[in-house]
Amino acid sequence: MTITLETERLILRPPMATDLDAWAAFMADPESQKHLGGVQERPIAWRSLCIMAGAWQIDGFAMFSVIEKASGRWIGRVGPWRPEGWPGPEVGWSLVRDAWGKGYATEGATAAIDWAFEHLGWSDVIHCIVPENVNSQKVAQRLGSRWLRKSRLPAPINIDTELWGQSRGDWRARRR
């Protein structure tokens, strides 16, 4: 895939095999994974990386790997996501711990939402956030999203979540 988005401080590109070490370390961190279903051992992390790469091939979109421009290192994933049975077209984010609190989630999600509305033709966007994840709720609010309703993610995840989101019209009005 040749799709690459750039922001002031980030490069967003489809996941690659070279992301595995950083991806696996991120998936093994209990604090980073607290609201994402728990830690994953390296073989499972490899599978989740391949799921994202496969979704790019099958659907033409999935979460981007996030590369910090200043260091060139992989710091997380952000972007559009809509697997079978998902409650709606999502733009999500999850970053390594030392990238928290720098505005990277908002910066990357903004670029991803712009891209999803423009290139994927989405009419709305959601963010699946567990009720305890106050930091992601704050990111959603900074993006202009609002709490919509409770939901449940499909198997094999099977967790209760809250949906935050907004319409393309609301997004565009806010971005003007």
Protein backbone atom coordinates (compact mmCIF):
# COMPACT_ATOMS: atom_id res chain seq x y z
CA MET A 1 0.00 0.00 0.00
CA THR A 2 1.32 3.42 -0.90
CA ILE A 3 -1.10 5.52 1.15
CA THR A 4 0.78 7.78 3.54
CA LEU A 5 -0.58 10.69 5.52
CA GLU A 6 1.64 13.30 7.11
CA THR A 7 0.91 15.70 9.91
CA GLU A 8 3.22 18.21 11.53
CA ARG A 9 4.80 15.55 13.78
CA LEU A 10 3.59 12.19 12.47
CA ILE A 11 3.68 9.86 9.48
CA LEU A 12 0.69 7.53 9.12
CA ARG A 13 1.20 4.54 6.84
CA PRO A 14 -0.12 0.98 6.54
CA PRO A 15 1.51 -1.53 8.92
CA MET A 16 4.58 -3.41 7.70
CA ALA A 17 6.48 -6.49 8.88
CA THR A 18 9.22 -4.21 10.25
CA ASP A 19 6.68 -2.86 12.79
CA LEU A 20 6.45 -6.21 14.57
CA ASP A 21 9.01 -5.67 17.36
CA ALA A 22 7.50 -2.34 18.42
CA TRP A 23 3.93 -3.62 17.85
CA ALA A 24 4.58 -6.70 20.01
CA ALA A 25 6.17 -4.64 22.80
CA PHE A 26 3.16 -2.31 22.75
CA MET A 27 0.73 -5.26 22.88
CA ALA A 28 2.68 -6.74 25.83
CA ASP A 29 2.45 -3.57 27.95
CA PRO A 30 -0.29 -4.00 30.60
CA GLU A 31 -0.86 -0.25 30.98
CA SER A 32 -1.17 0.38 27.22
CA GLN A 33 -3.51 -2.58 26.85
CA LYS A 34 -5.64 -1.93 29.93
CA HIS A 35 -8.59 -0.66 27.88
CA LEU A 36 -7.90 -2.72 24.75
CA GLY A 37 -8.66 -6.23 25.93
CA GLY A 38 -5.45 -7.02 27.80
CA VAL A 39 -1.90 -7.96 26.90
CA GLN A 40 -1.05 -10.19 23.98
CA GLU A 41 1.94 -12.45 23.68
CA ARG A 42 4.16 -11.94 20.64
CA PRO A 43 2.53 -14.69 18.47
CA ILE A 44 -0.90 -13.12 19.05
CA ALA A 45 0.52 -9.63 18.44
CA TRP A 46 1.86 -10.91 15.11
CA ARG A 47 -1.62 -12.09 14.23
CA SER A 48 -3.15 -8.69 15.12
CA LEU A 49 -0.54 -6.94 12.95
CA CYS A 50 -1.45 -9.30 10.10
CA ILE A 51 -5.15 -8.60 10.62
CA MET A 52 -4.51 -4.87 10.07
CA ALA A 53 -2.28 -5.54 7.05
CA GLY A 54 -4.89 -7.94 5.66
CA ALA A 55 -7.68 -5.42 6.11
CA TRP A 56 -5.65 -2.97 4.02
CA GLN A 57 -5.52 -5.57 1.25
CA ILE A 58 -9.16 -6.62 1.47
CA ASP A 59 -10.94 -3.37 2.36
CA GLY A 60 -8.44 -0.77 1.19
CA PHE A 61 -8.21 0.71 4.69
CA ALA A 62 -7.42 -0.13 8.29
CA MET A 63 -5.51 1.47 11.10
CA PHE A 64 -2.28 3.17 10.13
CA SER A 65 1.01 2.60 11.87
CA VAL A 66 2.01 5.88 13.52
CA ILE A 67 5.62 6.94 13.06
CA GLU A 68 7.01 9.84 15.08
CA LYS A 69 8.81 12.09 12.58
CA ALA A 70 11.41 13.37 15.05
CA SER A 71 12.65 9.90 16.00
CA GLY A 72 11.46 7.69 13.13
CA ARG A 73 10.07 5.17 15.61
CA TRP A 74 6.75 3.32 15.61
CA ILE A 75 4.57 4.76 18.39
CA GLY A 76 1.15 3.21 17.81
CA ARG A 77 -1.78 2.86 15.49
CA VAL A 78 -4.57 5.19 14.50
CA GLY A 79 -7.16 5.23 11.80
CA PRO A 80 -10.23 3.81 10.16
CA TRP A 81 -11.47 0.41 11.24
CA ARG A 82 -14.65 -1.47 10.43
CA PRO A 83 -14.40 -5.24 10.77
CA GLU A 84 -17.43 -7.45 10.18
CA GLY A 85 -20.07 -6.90 12.87
CA TRP A 86 -18.54 -3.65 14.17
CA PRO A 87 -21.02 -1.06 15.50
CA GLY A 88 -20.07 1.49 12.83
CA PRO A 89 -17.24 3.09 10.87
CA GLU A 90 -14.61 3.80 13.50
CA VAL A 91 -11.49 5.90 13.68
CA GLY A 92 -9.58 4.65 16.68
CA TRP A 93 -6.23 5.29 18.31
CA SER A 94 -3.82 3.58 20.65
CA LEU A 95 -0.30 4.69 21.36
CA VAL A 96 2.73 3.52 23.31
CA ARG A 97 2.82 4.90 26.83
CA ASP A 98 5.65 7.38 26.35
CA ALA A 99 3.69 9.00 23.50
CA TRP A 100 0.69 9.78 25.74
CA GLY A 101 -0.08 13.37 26.66
CA LYS A 102 1.66 14.89 23.61
CA GLY A 103 -1.43 15.42 21.44
CA TYR A 104 -0.40 12.67 19.02
CA ALA A 105 -3.73 10.81 19.28
CA THR A 106 -5.70 13.94 18.38
CA GLU A 107 -3.26 14.89 15.62
CA GLY A 108 -3.27 11.45 14.04
CA ALA A 109 -7.02 10.91 14.43
CA THR A 110 -7.72 14.29 12.82
CA ALA A 111 -5.75 13.29 9.72
CA ALA A 112 -7.41 9.86 9.68
CA ILE A 113 -10.93 11.28 10.01
CA ASP A 114 -10.26 13.78 7.21
CA TRP A 115 -9.03 10.89 5.05
CA ALA A 116 -11.98 8.60 5.93
CA PHE A 117 -14.56 11.25 5.08
CA GLU A 118 -12.78 12.33 1.89
CA HIS A 119 -11.51 9.02 0.49
CA LEU A 120 -13.78 6.38 2.00
CA GLY A 121 -16.96 8.44 1.68
CA TRP A 122 -18.06 7.82 5.25
CA SER A 123 -21.07 9.87 6.40
CA ASP A 124 -20.26 9.49 10.09
CA VAL A 125 -17.49 8.25 12.35
CA ILE A 126 -17.49 6.56 15.74
CA HIS A 127 -14.92 5.85 18.43
CA CYS A 128 -15.39 2.75 20.62
CA ILE A 129 -14.25 3.72 24.11
CA VAL A 130 -14.71 1.70 27.28
CA PRO A 131 -16.30 3.79 30.06
CA GLU A 132 -13.14 3.71 32.23
CA ASN A 133 -10.92 5.21 29.50
CA VAL A 134 -11.24 8.87 30.44
CA ASN A 135 -8.17 9.88 28.42
CA SER A 136 -9.65 8.56 25.17
CA GLN A 137 -12.94 10.26 26.00
CA LYS A 138 -11.00 13.54 26.22
CA VAL A 139 -9.41 12.86 22.82
CA ALA A 140 -12.88 12.21 21.37
CA GLN A 141 -14.11 15.50 22.83
CA ARG A 142 -11.11 17.38 21.39
CA LEU A 143 -12.05 15.89 18.02
CA GLY A 144 -15.57 17.30 18.42
CA SER A 145 -17.21 13.93 19.02
CA ARG A 146 -19.92 13.39 21.59
CA TRP A 147 -21.21 10.41 23.54
CA LEU A 148 -23.80 8.57 21.42
CA ARG A 149 -24.79 5.36 23.18
CA LYS A 150 -23.67 2.16 24.84
CA SER A 151 -22.74 -0.80 22.65
CA ARG A 152 -20.99 -4.15 22.72
CA LEU A 153 -18.12 -5.17 20.48
CA PRO A 154 -18.62 -8.44 18.58
CA ALA A 155 -16.88 -11.77 19.21
CA PRO A 156 -14.16 -12.58 19.90
CA ILE A 157 -13.76 -9.25 21.73
CA ASN A 158 -17.13 -9.27 23.53
CA ILE A 159 -16.67 -6.16 25.66
CA ASP A 160 -19.10 -3.43 26.61
CA THR A 161 -18.16 -0.07 25.18
CA GLU A 162 -19.49 3.39 24.63
CA LEU A 163 -19.76 4.92 21.20
CA TRP A 164 -18.62 8.47 20.66
CA GLY A 165 -18.86 10.12 17.28
CA GLN A 166 -20.09 12.71 14.87
CA SER A 167 -21.38 13.19 11.33
CA ARG A 168 -19.31 14.29 8.36
CA GLY A 169 -21.32 17.52 8.32
CA ASP A 170 -20.51 18.25 11.97
CA TRP A 171 -16.84 17.45 11.34
CA ARG A 172 -16.61 19.72 8.31
CA ALA A 173 -18.43 22.59 10.06
CA ARG A 174 -16.02 22.34 12.99
CA ARG A 175 -12.93 22.16 10.73
CA ARG A 176 -13.88 25.38 8.85
